[in-house]
């Protein structure tokens, strides 16, 4: 797993990376689902923003900080 003695900044950096990865996968899945729909029924997929990344990262942080 690597370095187990991460400081707070490194943990937050990792969580932000995980949050971005989660949101990328979510958008990719939504986009693929839109491609399946008939032409004319497809909707635009909105990109995620910084607030959504932070919200997801905070959710991950709450999970890992539980004892």
PDB file of N, CA and C in Angstrom:
ATOM      1  N   UNK A   1       0.818  -1.192   0.000  1.00  0.00           N
ATOM      2  CA  UNK A   1       0.000   0.000   0.000  1.00  0.00           C
ATOM      3  C   UNK A   1       0.859   1.251   0.000  1.00  0.00           C
ATOM      4  N   UNK A   2       2.109   1.145   0.390  1.00  0.00           N
ATOM      5  CA  UNK A   2       2.968   2.310   0.346  1.00  0.00           C
ATOM      6  C   UNK A   2       3.156   2.932   1.709  1.00  0.00           C
ATOM      7  N   UNK A   3       3.367   4.229   1.695  1.00  0.00           N
ATOM      8  CA  UNK A   3       3.643   4.991   2.906  1.00  0.00           C
ATOM      9  C   UNK A   3       2.415   5.018   3.817  1.00  0.00           C
ATOM     10  N   UNK A   4       2.575   4.521   5.036  1.00  0.00           N
ATOM     11  CA  UNK A   4       1.452   4.500   5.971  1.00  0.00           C
ATOM     12  C   UNK A   4       1.476   5.678   6.924  1.00  0.00           C
ATOM     13  N   UNK A   5       2.528   6.491   6.878  1.00  0.00           N
ATOM     14  CA  UNK A   5       2.652   7.632   7.774  1.00  0.00           C
ATOM     15  C   UNK A   5       2.462   8.938   7.009  1.00  0.00           C
ATOM     16  N   UNK A   6       1.302   9.121   6.440  1.00  0.00           N
ATOM     17  CA  UNK A   6       1.030  10.341   5.679  1.00  0.00           C
ATOM     18  C   UNK A   6       0.596  11.448   6.628  1.00  0.00           C
ATOM     19  N   UNK A   7       1.017  12.660   6.303  1.00  0.00           N
ATOM     20  CA  UNK A   7       0.543  13.792   7.097  1.00  0.00           C
ATOM     21  C   UNK A   7      -0.817  14.240   6.564  1.00  0.00           C
ATOM     22  N   UNK A   8      -1.425  15.195   7.233  1.00  0.00           N
ATOM     23  CA  UNK A   8      -2.767  15.640   6.875  1.00  0.00           C
ATOM     24  C   UNK A   8      -2.887  16.150   5.452  1.00  0.00           C
ATOM     25  N   UNK A   9      -1.866  16.864   4.993  1.00  0.00           N
ATOM     26  CA  UNK A   9      -1.904  17.395   3.631  1.00  0.00           C
ATOM     27  C   UNK A   9      -1.867  16.272   2.598  1.00  0.00           C
ATOM     28  N   UNK A  10      -1.046  15.273   2.855  1.00  0.00           N
ATOM     29  CA  UNK A  10      -0.948  14.142   1.926  1.00  0.00           C
ATOM     30  C   UNK A  10      -2.250  13.344   1.890  1.00  0.00           C
ATOM     31  N   UNK A  11      -2.877  13.209   3.036  1.00  0.00           N
ATOM     32  CA  UNK A  11      -4.159  12.498   3.087  1.00  0.00           C
ATOM     33  C   UNK A  11      -5.211  13.258   2.295  1.00  0.00           C
ATOM     34  N   UNK A  12      -5.281  14.567   2.498  1.00  0.00           N
ATOM     35  CA  UNK A  12      -6.265  15.372   1.763  1.00  0.00           C
ATOM     36  C   UNK A  12      -5.982  15.351   0.263  1.00  0.00           C
ATOM     37  N   UNK A  13      -4.709  15.379  -0.106  1.00  0.00           N
ATOM     38  CA  UNK A  13      -4.349  15.309  -1.521  1.00  0.00           C
ATOM     39  C   UNK A  13      -4.815  13.981  -2.128  1.00  0.00           C
ATOM     40  N   UNK A  14      -4.602  12.903  -1.402  1.00  0.00           N
ATOM     41  CA  UNK A  14      -5.039  11.585  -1.877  1.00  0.00           C
ATOM     42  C   UNK A  14      -6.555  11.524  -2.009  1.00  0.00           C
ATOM     43  N   UNK A  15      -7.248  12.087  -1.033  1.00  0.00           N
ATOM     44  CA  UNK A  15      -8.710  12.071  -1.072  1.00  0.00           C
ATOM     45  C   UNK A  15      -9.246  12.907  -2.228  1.00  0.00           C
ATOM     46  N   UNK A  16      -8.592  14.026  -2.518  1.00  0.00           N
ATOM     47  CA  UNK A  16      -9.011  14.827  -3.671  1.00  0.00           C
ATOM     48  C   UNK A  16      -8.814  14.044  -4.968  1.00  0.00           C
ATOM     49  N   UNK A  17      -7.703  13.331  -5.066  1.00  0.00           N
ATOM     50  CA  UNK A  17      -7.462  12.503  -6.249  1.00  0.00           C
ATOM     51  C   UNK A  17      -8.504  11.406  -6.393  1.00  0.00           C
ATOM     52  N   UNK A  18      -8.848  10.776  -5.274  1.00  0.00           N
ATOM     53  CA  UNK A  18      -9.891   9.746  -5.302  1.00  0.00           C
ATOM     54  C   UNK A  18     -11.239  10.340  -5.692  1.00  0.00           C
ATOM     55  N   UNK A  19     -11.547  11.513  -5.156  1.00  0.00           N
ATOM     56  CA  UNK A  19     -12.821  12.167  -5.472  1.00  0.00           C
ATOM     57  C   UNK A  19     -12.909  12.486  -6.962  1.00  0.00           C
ATOM     58  N   UNK A  20     -11.829  12.992  -7.528  1.00  0.00           N
ATOM     59  CA  UNK A  20     -11.814  13.292  -8.961  1.00  0.00           C
ATOM     60  C   UNK A  20     -11.990  12.012  -9.767  1.00  0.00           C
ATOM     61  N   UNK A  21     -11.330  10.942  -9.344  1.00  0.00           N
ATOM     62  CA  UNK A  21     -11.480   9.660 -10.030  1.00  0.00           C
ATOM     63  C   UNK A  21     -12.908   9.146  -9.985  1.00  0.00           C
ATOM     64  N   UNK A  22     -13.542   9.275  -8.829  1.00  0.00           N
ATOM     65  CA  UNK A  22     -14.936   8.842  -8.683  1.00  0.00           C
ATOM     66  C   UNK A  22     -15.842   9.645  -9.609  1.00  0.00           C
ATOM     67  N   UNK A  23     -15.652  10.955  -9.623  1.00  0.00           N
ATOM     68  CA  UNK A  23     -16.499  11.809 -10.462  1.00  0.00           C
ATOM     69  C   UNK A  23     -16.225  11.592 -11.945  1.00  0.00           C
ATOM     70  N   UNK A  24     -14.970  11.321 -12.310  1.00  0.00           N
ATOM     71  CA  UNK A  24     -14.650  10.990 -13.705  1.00  0.00           C
ATOM     72  C   UNK A  24     -15.383   9.724 -14.139  1.00  0.00           C
ATOM     73  N   UNK A  25     -15.348   8.707 -13.281  1.00  0.00           N
ATOM     74  CA  UNK A  25     -16.031   7.450 -13.604  1.00  0.00           C
ATOM     75  C   UNK A  25     -17.541   7.651 -13.697  1.00  0.00           C
ATOM     76  N   UNK A  26     -18.077   8.448 -12.796  1.00  0.00           N
ATOM     77  CA  UNK A  26     -19.517   8.731 -12.816  1.00  0.00           C
ATOM     78  C   UNK A  26     -19.902   9.400 -14.133  1.00  0.00           C
ATOM     79  N   UNK A  27     -19.135  10.418 -14.533  1.00  0.00           N
ATOM     80  CA  UNK A  27     -19.442  11.114 -15.782  1.00  0.00           C
ATOM     81  C   UNK A  27     -19.245  10.213 -16.997  1.00  0.00           C
ATOM     82  N   UNK A  28     -18.230   9.365 -16.964  1.00  0.00           N
ATOM     83  CA  UNK A  28     -18.007   8.441 -18.083  1.00  0.00           C
ATOM     84  C   UNK A  28     -19.180   7.470 -18.215  1.00  0.00           C
ATOM     85  N   UNK A  29     -19.667   6.984 -17.086  1.00  0.00           N
ATOM     86  CA  UNK A  29     -20.812   6.068 -17.102  1.00  0.00           C
ATOM     87  C   UNK A  29     -22.057   6.777 -17.619  1.00  0.00           C
ATOM     88  N   UNK A  30     -22.295   7.987 -17.139  1.00  0.00           N
ATOM     89  CA  UNK A  30     -23.455   8.753 -17.614  1.00  0.00           C
ATOM     90  C   UNK A  30     -23.358   9.014 -19.114  1.00  0.00           C
ATOM     91  N   UNK A  31     -22.161   9.352 -19.575  1.00  0.00           N
ATOM     92  CA  UNK A  31     -21.953   9.630 -20.996  1.00  0.00           C
ATOM     93  C   UNK A  31     -22.214   8.372 -21.831  1.00  0.00           C
ATOM     94  N   UNK A  32     -21.702   7.241 -21.374  1.00  0.00           N
ATOM     95  CA  UNK A  32     -21.930   5.987 -22.098  1.00  0.00           C
ATOM     96  C   UNK A  32     -23.411   5.642 -22.144  1.00  0.00           C
ATOM     97  N   UNK A  33     -24.120   5.895 -21.048  1.00  0.00           N
ATOM     98  CA  UNK A  33     -25.559   5.636 -21.025  1.00  0.00           C
ATOM     99  C   UNK A  33     -26.302   6.543 -21.997  1.00  0.00           C
ATOM    100  N   UNK A  34     -25.821   7.752 -22.177  1.00  0.00           N
ATOM    101  CA  UNK A  34     -26.458   8.660 -23.130  1.00  0.00           C
ATOM    102  C   UNK A  34     -26.233   8.193 -24.566  1.00  0.00           C
ATOM    103  N   UNK A  35     -25.074   7.605 -24.846  1.00  0.00           N
ATOM    104  CA  UNK A  35     -24.794   7.106 -26.198  1.00  0.00           C
ATOM    105  C   UNK A  35     -25.734   5.969 -26.577  1.00  0.00           C
ATOM    106  N   UNK A  36     -26.221   5.242 -25.584  1.00  0.00           N
ATOM    107  CA  UNK A  36     -27.127   4.121 -25.838  1.00  0.00           C
ATOM    108  C   UNK A  36     -28.502   4.616 -26.281  1.00  0.00           C
ATOM    109  N   UNK A  37     -28.885   5.783 -25.803  1.00  0.00           N
ATOM    110  CA  UNK A  37     -30.214   6.321 -26.119  1.00  0.00           C
ATOM    111  C   UNK A  37     -30.322   6.670 -27.596  1.00  0.00           C
ATOM    112  N   UNK A  38     -31.556   6.663 -28.064  1.00  0.00           N
ATOM    113  CA  UNK A  38     -31.813   7.020 -29.455  1.00  0.00           C
ATOM    114  C   UNK A  38     -31.436   8.480 -29.693  1.00  0.00           C
ATOM    115  N   UNK A  39     -31.023   8.755 -30.920  1.00  0.00           N
ATOM    116  CA  UNK A  39     -30.662  10.128 -31.259  1.00  0.00           C
ATOM    117  C   UNK A  39     -31.872  11.032 -31.057  1.00  0.00           C
ATOM    118  N   UNK A  40     -31.651  12.169 -30.473  1.00  0.00           N
ATOM    119  CA  UNK A  40     -32.739  13.085 -30.161  1.00  0.00           C
ATOM    120  C   UNK A  40     -33.195  12.971 -28.718  1.00  0.00           C
ATOM    121  N   UNK A  41     -32.888  11.850 -28.073  1.00  0.00           N
ATOM    122  CA  UNK A  41     -33.246  11.665 -26.667  1.00  0.00           C
ATOM    123  C   UNK A  41     -32.032  11.842 -25.755  1.00  0.00           C
ATOM    124  N   UNK A  42     -30.870  11.989 -26.363  1.00  0.00           N
ATOM    125  CA  UNK A  42     -29.648  12.136 -25.579  1.00  0.00           C
ATOM    126  C   UNK A  42     -29.600  13.518 -24.933  1.00  0.00           C
ATOM    127  N   UNK A  43     -29.082  13.547 -23.718  1.00  0.00           N
ATOM    128  CA  UNK A  43     -28.937  14.805 -22.994  1.00  0.00           C
ATOM    129  C   UNK A  43     -27.461  15.070 -22.732  1.00  0.00           C
ATOM    130  N   UNK A  44     -27.136  16.343 -22.624  1.00  0.00           N
ATOM    131  CA  UNK A  44     -25.757  16.732 -22.354  1.00  0.00           C
ATOM    132  C   UNK A  44     -25.382  16.364 -20.918  1.00  0.00           C
ATOM    133  N   UNK A  45     -24.184  15.865 -20.741  1.00  0.00           N
ATOM    134  CA  UNK A  45     -23.672  15.535 -19.413  1.00  0.00           C
ATOM    135  C   UNK A  45     -22.908  16.749 -18.899  1.00  0.00           C
ATOM    136  N   UNK A  46     -23.328  17.238 -17.751  1.00  0.00           N
ATOM    137  CA  UNK A  46     -22.679  18.405 -17.163  1.00  0.00           C
ATOM    138  C   UNK A  46     -21.380  17.982 -16.478  1.00  0.00           C
ATOM    139  N   UNK A  47     -20.309  18.720 -16.705  1.00  0.00           N
ATOM    140  CA  UNK A  47     -19.058  18.387 -16.016  1.00  0.00           C
ATOM    141  C   UNK A  47     -19.173  18.698 -14.528  1.00  0.00           C
ATOM    142  N   UNK A  48     -18.376  18.016 -13.739  1.00  0.00           N
ATOM    143  CA  UNK A  48     -18.384  18.302 -12.307  1.00  0.00           C
ATOM    144  C   UNK A  48     -17.577  19.572 -12.050  1.00  0.00           C
ATOM    145  N   UNK A  49     -17.855  20.192 -10.917  1.00  0.00           N
ATOM    146  CA  UNK A  49     -17.141  21.414 -10.565  1.00  0.00           C
ATOM    147  C   UNK A  49     -16.363  21.210  -9.265  1.00  0.00           C
ATOM    148  N   UNK A  50     -15.650  22.225  -8.868  1.00  0.00           N
ATOM    149  CA  UNK A  50     -14.796  22.146  -7.682  1.00  0.00           C
ATOM    150  C   UNK A  50     -15.614  21.811  -6.441  1.00  0.00           C
ATOM    151  N   UNK A  51     -16.791  22.403  -6.329  1.00  0.00           N
ATOM    152  CA  UNK A  51     -17.622  22.149  -5.152  1.00  0.00           C
ATOM    153  C   UNK A  51     -18.016  20.677  -5.051  1.00  0.00           C
ATOM    154  N   UNK A  52     -18.299  20.067  -6.184  1.00  0.00           N
ATOM    155  CA  UNK A  52     -18.658  18.643  -6.179  1.00  0.00           C
ATOM    156  C   UNK A  52     -17.455  17.781  -5.793  1.00  0.00           C
ATOM    157  N   UNK A  53     -16.265  18.171  -6.256  1.00  0.00           N
ATOM    158  CA  UNK A  53     -15.043  17.453  -5.878  1.00  0.00           C
ATOM    159  C   UNK A  53     -14.836  17.555  -4.372  1.00  0.00           C
ATOM    160  N   UNK A  54     -14.974  18.761  -3.833  1.00  0.00           N
ATOM    161  CA  UNK A  54     -14.777  18.959  -2.395  1.00  0.00           C
ATOM    162  C   UNK A  54     -15.808  18.192  -1.573  1.00  0.00           C
ATOM    163  N   UNK A  55     -17.046  18.198  -2.019  1.00  0.00           N
ATOM    164  CA  UNK A  55     -18.104  17.473  -1.306  1.00  0.00           C
ATOM    165  C   UNK A  55     -17.805  15.971  -1.286  1.00  0.00           C
ATOM    166  N   UNK A  56     -17.373  15.439  -2.412  1.00  0.00           N
ATOM    167  CA  UNK A  56     -17.042  14.017  -2.496  1.00  0.00           C
ATOM    168  C   UNK A  56     -15.833  13.697  -1.623  1.00  0.00           C
ATOM    169  N   UNK A  57     -14.819  14.556  -1.660  1.00  0.00           N
ATOM    170  CA  UNK A  57     -13.623  14.345  -0.839  1.00  0.00           C
ATOM    171  C   UNK A  57     -13.966  14.410   0.648  1.00  0.00           C
ATOM    172  N   UNK A  58     -14.830  15.328   1.031  1.00  0.00           N
ATOM    173  CA  UNK A  58     -15.240  15.424   2.434  1.00  0.00           C
ATOM    174  C   UNK A  58     -15.989  14.174   2.873  1.00  0.00           C
ATOM    175  N   UNK A  59     -16.791  13.636   1.987  1.00  0.00           N
ATOM    176  CA  UNK A  59     -17.506  12.396   2.287  1.00  0.00           C
ATOM    177  C   UNK A  59     -16.514  11.252   2.505  1.00  0.00           C
ATOM    178  N   UNK A  60     -15.498  11.177   1.665  1.00  0.00           N
ATOM    179  CA  UNK A  60     -14.464  10.157   1.831  1.00  0.00           C
ATOM    180  C   UNK A  60     -13.701  10.368   3.136  1.00  0.00           C
ATOM    181  N   UNK A  61     -13.405  11.617   3.454  1.00  0.00           N
ATOM    182  CA  UNK A  61     -12.664  11.919   4.682  1.00  0.00           C
ATOM    183  C   UNK A  61     -13.456  11.499   5.916  1.00  0.00           C
ATOM    184  N   UNK A  62     -14.751  11.755   5.903  1.00  0.00           N
ATOM    185  CA  UNK A  62     -15.586  11.346   7.033  1.00  0.00           C
ATOM    186  C   UNK A  62     -15.553   9.837   7.202  1.00  0.00           C
ATOM    187  N   UNK A  63     -15.549   9.125   6.090  1.00  0.00           N
ATOM    188  CA  UNK A  63     -15.508   7.667   6.152  1.00  0.00           C
ATOM    189  C   UNK A  63     -14.192   7.181   6.763  1.00  0.00           C
ATOM    190  N   UNK A  64     -13.076   7.717   6.302  1.00  0.00           N
ATOM    191  CA  UNK A  64     -11.787   7.216   6.790  1.00  0.00           C
ATOM    192  C   UNK A  64     -11.469   7.698   8.197  1.00  0.00           C
ATOM    193  N   UNK A  65     -12.116   8.763   8.651  1.00  0.00           N
ATOM    194  CA  UNK A  65     -11.819   9.264   9.994  1.00  0.00           C
ATOM    195  C   UNK A  65     -12.685   8.621  11.071  1.00  0.00           C
ATOM    196  N   UNK A  66     -13.655   7.780  10.672  1.00  0.00           N
ATOM    197  CA  UNK A  66     -14.467   7.060  11.658  1.00  0.00           C
ATOM    198  C   UNK A  66     -13.586   6.082  12.417  1.00  0.00           C
ATOM    199  N   UNK A  67     -13.888   5.934  13.686  1.00  0.00           N
ATOM    200  CA  UNK A  67     -13.109   4.986  14.498  1.00  0.00           C
ATOM    201  C   UNK A  67     -13.946   3.795  14.855  1.00  0.00           C
TER     202      UNK A  67
END
